[in-house]
N, C-alpha and C. Protein backbone atom coordinates (compact mmCIF):
# COMPACT_ATOMS: atom_id res chain seq x y z
N MET A 1 71.49 95.43 116.29
CA MET A 1 72.04 96.38 115.74
C MET A 1 73.40 97.03 116.48
N VAL A 2 73.34 96.91 117.90
CA VAL A 2 74.44 97.30 118.73
C VAL A 2 75.81 96.36 118.49
N TYR A 3 75.30 94.99 118.31
CA TYR A 3 76.25 94.02 118.11
C TYR A 3 76.91 94.23 116.70
N ASN A 4 76.12 94.63 115.75
CA ASN A 4 76.75 94.98 114.35
C ASN A 4 77.62 96.17 114.39
N ALA A 5 77.38 97.16 115.12
CA ALA A 5 78.29 98.40 115.36
C ALA A 5 79.51 98.12 116.09
N THR A 6 79.40 97.21 117.12
CA THR A 6 80.64 96.90 117.95
C THR A 6 81.31 95.82 117.38
N SER A 7 81.00 95.09 116.40
CA SER A 7 81.72 93.86 115.89
C SER A 7 82.32 94.20 114.54
N GLN A 8 82.44 95.40 114.17
CA GLN A 8 83.02 95.84 112.85
C GLN A 8 84.43 95.70 113.00
N PRO A 9 85.17 95.29 111.78
CA PRO A 9 86.65 95.02 111.95
C PRO A 9 87.36 96.44 112.06
N GLY A 10 88.56 96.41 112.67
CA GLY A 10 89.27 97.55 112.88
C GLY A 10 90.74 97.40 113.08
N VAL A 11 91.54 98.29 113.43
CA VAL A 11 93.05 98.16 113.39
C VAL A 11 93.45 97.11 114.48
N GLN A 12 92.27 96.92 115.50
CA GLN A 12 92.84 95.69 116.41
C GLN A 12 92.66 94.42 115.99
N ASP A 13 92.19 94.21 114.79
CA ASP A 13 92.12 92.85 114.21
C ASP A 13 93.36 92.70 113.18
N LEU A 14 93.98 93.66 112.89
CA LEU A 14 95.26 93.53 111.93
C LEU A 14 96.40 92.77 112.63
N LYS A 15 97.18 92.05 111.97
CA LYS A 15 98.39 91.52 112.37
C LYS A 15 99.55 92.52 112.32
N GLY A 16 100.53 92.38 113.10
CA GLY A 16 101.61 93.38 113.05
C GLY A 16 101.80 94.32 114.40
N ASN A 17 100.73 94.16 115.36
CA ASN A 17 101.07 94.87 116.49
C ASN A 17 101.28 96.31 116.24
N PHE A 18 100.42 96.93 115.65
CA PHE A 18 100.53 98.32 115.21
C PHE A 18 100.25 99.28 116.51
N LYS A 19 101.14 100.26 116.58
CA LYS A 19 101.13 101.10 117.80
C LYS A 19 101.27 102.57 117.28
N GLU A 20 100.40 103.47 117.45
CA GLU A 20 100.45 104.88 117.05
C GLU A 20 101.40 105.52 118.04
N VAL A 21 102.58 106.16 117.47
CA VAL A 21 103.55 106.86 118.27
C VAL A 21 103.41 108.40 118.30
N ALA A 22 103.14 108.97 117.14
CA ALA A 22 102.96 110.51 117.01
C ALA A 22 101.69 110.79 116.02
N LEU A 23 101.16 111.94 116.35
CA LEU A 23 99.96 112.54 115.50
C LEU A 23 100.11 113.95 115.39
N TYR A 24 99.94 114.40 114.18
CA TYR A 24 99.74 115.84 113.81
C TYR A 24 98.55 115.90 113.22
N ARG A 25 97.76 116.94 113.68
CA ARG A 25 96.53 117.50 112.92
C ARG A 25 96.51 118.98 112.89
N ASN A 26 96.38 119.52 111.92
CA ASN A 26 96.34 120.93 111.62
C ASN A 26 95.18 121.37 112.50
N GLU A 27 95.04 122.74 112.92
CA GLU A 27 94.05 123.28 113.57
C GLU A 27 92.87 123.78 112.84
N ASN A 28 93.12 123.59 111.47
CA ASN A 28 91.97 124.14 110.51
C ASN A 28 90.61 123.45 110.54
N ASN A 29 89.56 124.03 111.14
CA ASN A 29 88.32 123.44 111.22
C ASN A 29 87.34 123.97 110.17
N THR A 30 87.69 124.91 109.37
CA THR A 30 86.96 125.41 108.41
C THR A 30 87.40 124.73 106.88
N GLY A 31 88.50 124.31 106.76
CA GLY A 31 89.20 123.97 105.43
C GLY A 31 89.50 122.59 105.51
N PRO A 32 90.56 122.21 104.54
CA PRO A 32 91.11 120.86 104.54
C PRO A 32 91.76 120.55 105.90
N ILE A 33 91.49 119.35 106.36
CA ILE A 33 92.23 118.81 107.60
C ILE A 33 93.27 118.05 107.04
N LYS A 34 94.60 118.11 107.62
CA LYS A 34 95.79 117.37 107.25
C LYS A 34 95.92 116.54 108.65
N ARG A 35 95.96 115.16 108.49
CA ARG A 35 96.40 114.34 109.54
C ARG A 35 97.64 113.48 109.17
N MET A 36 98.48 113.25 110.10
CA MET A 36 99.71 112.60 109.80
C MET A 36 99.90 111.71 111.14
N TYR A 37 100.33 110.49 110.85
CA TYR A 37 100.57 109.55 111.97
C TYR A 37 101.92 108.81 111.72
N ALA A 38 102.58 108.55 112.75
CA ALA A 38 103.81 107.76 112.92
C ALA A 38 103.28 106.53 113.58
N VAL A 39 103.62 105.26 113.16
CA VAL A 39 103.04 104.22 113.50
C VAL A 39 104.10 102.94 113.52
N THR A 40 104.26 102.17 114.57
CA THR A 40 105.38 101.16 114.52
C THR A 40 104.62 99.81 114.30
N VAL A 41 105.22 99.02 113.63
CA VAL A 41 104.76 97.69 113.31
C VAL A 41 105.76 96.69 113.30
N ASP A 42 105.45 95.37 113.84
CA ASP A 42 106.47 94.33 113.86
C ASP A 42 107.16 93.80 112.73
N ASP A 43 106.49 93.69 111.60
CA ASP A 43 107.00 93.10 110.51
C ASP A 43 106.51 93.89 109.28
N THR A 44 107.15 93.65 108.21
CA THR A 44 106.84 94.29 106.81
C THR A 44 105.60 93.63 106.11
N LEU A 45 104.44 93.84 106.87
CA LEU A 45 103.12 93.21 106.28
C LEU A 45 102.65 94.25 105.40
N TRP A 46 102.83 94.45 104.15
CA TRP A 46 102.41 95.47 103.35
C TRP A 46 100.89 95.62 103.31
N SER A 47 100.17 94.44 103.20
CA SER A 47 98.70 94.63 102.91
C SER A 47 98.19 95.17 104.26
N GLU A 48 98.66 94.68 105.36
CA GLU A 48 98.17 95.08 106.62
C GLU A 48 98.36 96.53 106.95
N MET A 49 99.46 97.14 106.58
CA MET A 49 99.67 98.29 106.56
C MET A 49 98.80 99.19 105.74
N LYS A 50 98.46 98.77 104.60
CA LYS A 50 97.44 99.47 103.67
C LYS A 50 96.16 99.51 104.38
N GLN A 51 95.68 98.31 104.89
CA GLN A 51 94.58 98.44 105.79
C GLN A 51 94.52 99.23 106.78
N TYR A 52 95.63 99.25 107.51
CA TYR A 52 95.60 100.24 108.56
C TYR A 52 95.38 101.57 108.23
N GLY A 53 95.98 101.99 107.17
CA GLY A 53 95.83 103.24 106.73
C GLY A 53 94.26 103.60 106.28
N ASP A 54 93.73 102.53 105.61
CA ASP A 54 92.31 102.62 105.22
C ASP A 54 91.29 102.74 106.48
N PHE A 55 91.75 102.24 107.75
CA PHE A 55 91.09 102.49 108.83
C PHE A 55 91.20 103.95 109.52
N MET A 56 92.11 104.62 109.04
CA MET A 56 92.47 105.90 109.72
C MET A 56 91.40 106.99 109.31
N PRO A 57 91.07 107.86 110.13
CA PRO A 57 90.15 109.01 109.79
C PRO A 57 90.47 109.72 108.72
N HIS A 58 89.65 110.09 107.77
CA HIS A 58 89.86 110.85 106.71
C HIS A 58 88.54 111.81 106.64
N THR A 59 88.83 113.19 106.22
CA THR A 59 87.78 114.20 106.01
C THR A 59 87.97 114.58 104.49
N LYS A 60 86.78 114.77 103.96
CA LYS A 60 86.49 115.09 102.49
C LYS A 60 87.38 116.42 102.39
N TYR A 61 88.13 116.37 101.31
CA TYR A 61 89.16 117.36 100.85
C TYR A 61 90.39 117.61 101.82
N GLY A 62 90.43 116.65 102.81
CA GLY A 62 91.71 116.79 103.68
C GLY A 62 92.62 115.55 103.25
N THR A 63 93.67 115.46 103.84
CA THR A 63 94.75 114.37 103.68
C THR A 63 95.00 113.76 104.94
N THR A 64 95.26 112.39 104.82
CA THR A 64 95.52 111.54 105.78
C THR A 64 96.88 110.78 105.30
N THR A 65 97.78 110.90 106.11
CA THR A 65 99.25 110.25 105.89
C THR A 65 99.59 109.47 107.12
N VAL A 66 100.09 108.14 106.61
CA VAL A 66 100.58 107.23 107.79
C VAL A 66 102.03 106.87 107.43
N TYR A 67 103.00 107.15 108.38
CA TYR A 67 104.31 106.58 108.21
C TYR A 67 104.56 105.44 108.90
N PHE A 68 104.98 104.44 108.56
CA PHE A 68 105.23 103.04 109.31
C PHE A 68 106.61 102.92 109.54
N PHE A 69 107.00 102.55 110.77
CA PHE A 69 108.35 102.42 111.20
C PHE A 69 108.39 100.86 111.83
N LYS A 70 109.57 100.27 111.74
CA LYS A 70 109.76 99.08 112.37
C LYS A 70 109.75 99.01 113.91
N THR A 71 109.04 98.37 114.52
CA THR A 71 109.20 98.35 115.97
C THR A 71 110.53 98.19 116.48
N GLY A 72 111.00 98.99 117.49
CA GLY A 72 112.24 98.96 117.94
C GLY A 72 113.36 99.92 117.19
N SER A 73 113.00 100.33 116.18
CA SER A 73 113.65 101.49 115.36
C SER A 73 113.40 102.88 115.88
N ALA A 74 114.27 103.78 115.53
CA ALA A 74 114.13 105.06 115.94
C ALA A 74 112.76 105.61 115.34
N VAL A 75 111.97 106.32 115.96
CA VAL A 75 110.69 106.68 115.54
C VAL A 75 110.41 108.25 116.02
N PRO A 76 110.03 109.19 115.10
CA PRO A 76 109.80 110.45 115.73
C PRO A 76 108.75 110.69 116.90
N ALA A 77 109.04 111.33 117.82
CA ALA A 77 108.04 111.44 118.92
C ALA A 77 106.90 112.47 118.45
N GLU A 78 107.25 113.45 117.57
CA GLU A 78 106.18 114.30 116.94
C GLU A 78 106.40 114.52 115.52
N LEU A 79 105.33 114.94 114.85
CA LEU A 79 105.51 115.28 113.41
C LEU A 79 105.10 116.74 113.19
N GLN A 80 105.81 117.22 112.05
CA GLN A 80 105.57 118.57 111.86
C GLN A 80 105.06 118.93 110.44
N PRO A 81 104.22 120.16 110.31
CA PRO A 81 103.61 120.33 109.02
C PRO A 81 104.56 120.68 108.08
N GLY A 82 104.43 120.27 106.84
CA GLY A 82 105.24 120.67 105.65
C GLY A 82 105.77 119.34 104.87
N GLU A 83 106.85 119.58 104.06
CA GLU A 83 107.14 118.61 103.11
C GLU A 83 108.04 117.52 103.94
N LYS A 84 108.68 117.94 105.03
CA LYS A 84 109.53 117.04 105.79
C LYS A 84 108.89 116.96 107.25
N PRO A 85 107.99 115.97 107.42
CA PRO A 85 107.37 116.05 108.90
C PRO A 85 108.24 115.57 109.94
N PHE A 86 109.52 114.94 109.63
CA PHE A 86 110.40 114.50 110.55
C PHE A 86 111.83 114.54 109.90
N ASP A 87 112.92 114.41 110.87
CA ASP A 87 114.16 114.50 110.55
C ASP A 87 114.57 113.13 109.62
N ASN A 88 115.55 113.44 108.78
CA ASN A 88 115.92 112.42 107.86
C ASN A 88 116.55 111.16 108.55
N THR A 89 117.09 111.38 109.85
CA THR A 89 117.55 110.21 110.54
C THR A 89 116.60 109.19 110.73
N PHE A 90 115.24 109.42 110.70
CA PHE A 90 114.15 108.44 110.90
C PHE A 90 114.03 107.84 109.43
N GLN A 91 113.92 106.47 109.43
CA GLN A 91 113.71 105.65 108.23
C GLN A 91 112.37 105.06 108.27
N PRO A 92 111.49 105.41 107.73
CA PRO A 92 110.10 104.61 107.71
C PRO A 92 110.26 103.49 106.74
N LEU A 93 109.55 102.40 106.73
CA LEU A 93 109.21 101.36 106.05
C LEU A 93 108.32 101.68 104.91
N ALA A 94 107.38 102.31 105.10
CA ALA A 94 106.31 102.64 104.01
C ALA A 94 105.60 103.93 104.47
N LYS A 95 104.77 104.42 103.43
CA LYS A 95 104.00 105.59 103.52
C LYS A 95 102.60 105.36 102.91
N TYR A 96 101.63 105.56 103.62
CA TYR A 96 100.27 105.61 103.20
C TYR A 96 99.70 106.87 103.14
N GLU A 97 98.99 107.38 101.88
CA GLU A 97 98.35 108.57 101.78
C GLU A 97 97.02 108.54 101.29
N LYS A 98 96.03 109.20 101.75
CA LYS A 98 94.66 109.35 101.20
C LYS A 98 94.59 110.79 100.92
N ASP A 99 94.40 111.27 99.58
CA ASP A 99 94.34 112.67 99.32
C ASP A 99 92.94 113.13 99.50
N GLY A 100 92.73 114.51 99.04
CA GLY A 100 91.36 115.09 99.25
C GLY A 100 90.34 114.57 98.51
N MET A 101 90.65 113.90 97.47
CA MET A 101 89.62 113.29 96.53
C MET A 101 89.38 111.85 96.85
N GLY A 102 90.09 111.16 97.87
CA GLY A 102 89.79 109.99 98.44
C GLY A 102 90.69 108.98 97.63
N GLU A 103 91.70 109.53 96.83
CA GLU A 103 92.65 108.65 96.10
C GLU A 103 93.79 107.93 97.18
N VAL A 104 93.92 106.90 97.13
CA VAL A 104 94.94 106.21 98.09
C VAL A 104 96.25 105.90 97.23
N SER A 105 97.42 106.17 97.95
CA SER A 105 98.68 105.71 97.47
C SER A 105 99.54 104.94 98.71
N PHE A 106 100.16 103.91 98.29
CA PHE A 106 100.86 103.27 99.41
C PHE A 106 102.24 103.03 98.74
N GLN A 107 103.34 103.45 99.53
CA GLN A 107 104.63 103.47 98.96
C GLN A 107 105.39 102.41 99.90
N ASN A 108 105.94 101.41 99.38
CA ASN A 108 107.10 100.64 100.06
C ASN A 108 108.45 101.48 100.07
N LEU A 109 108.91 102.17 101.08
CA LEU A 109 110.04 102.77 101.12
C LEU A 109 111.33 102.16 100.99
N LEU A 110 111.10 100.74 101.35
CA LEU A 110 112.36 100.03 101.31
C LEU A 110 113.10 99.81 99.93
N GLU A 111 112.04 100.05 98.91
CA GLU A 111 112.59 99.77 97.41
C GLU A 111 112.75 101.13 96.83
N LYS A 112 112.97 102.07 97.39
CA LYS A 112 113.58 103.42 96.92
C LYS A 112 114.79 103.33 95.94
């Protein structure tokens, strides 16, 4: 049983050398929890990015958002609550979002 719990797949098994750079989590412990992450990745591995998002913590009725940035590019050191979590000078590759009902959306932002 211990082996089974410690041998589950996780972000460490994904290709792309994912690194979490910034995290925002609201302080609301009685209502919906909002989590946002800024993550760097070595390449545009879209399916791996979506899987990374699927591995991120999610709370019922909360939202989890992951912004993916190319390794070596400008990445925000912190994220802010609201519609614009970082300055427009930062250009993410993709955005993953899981909403309060568990619905997932993944956007390739290079194809805008």
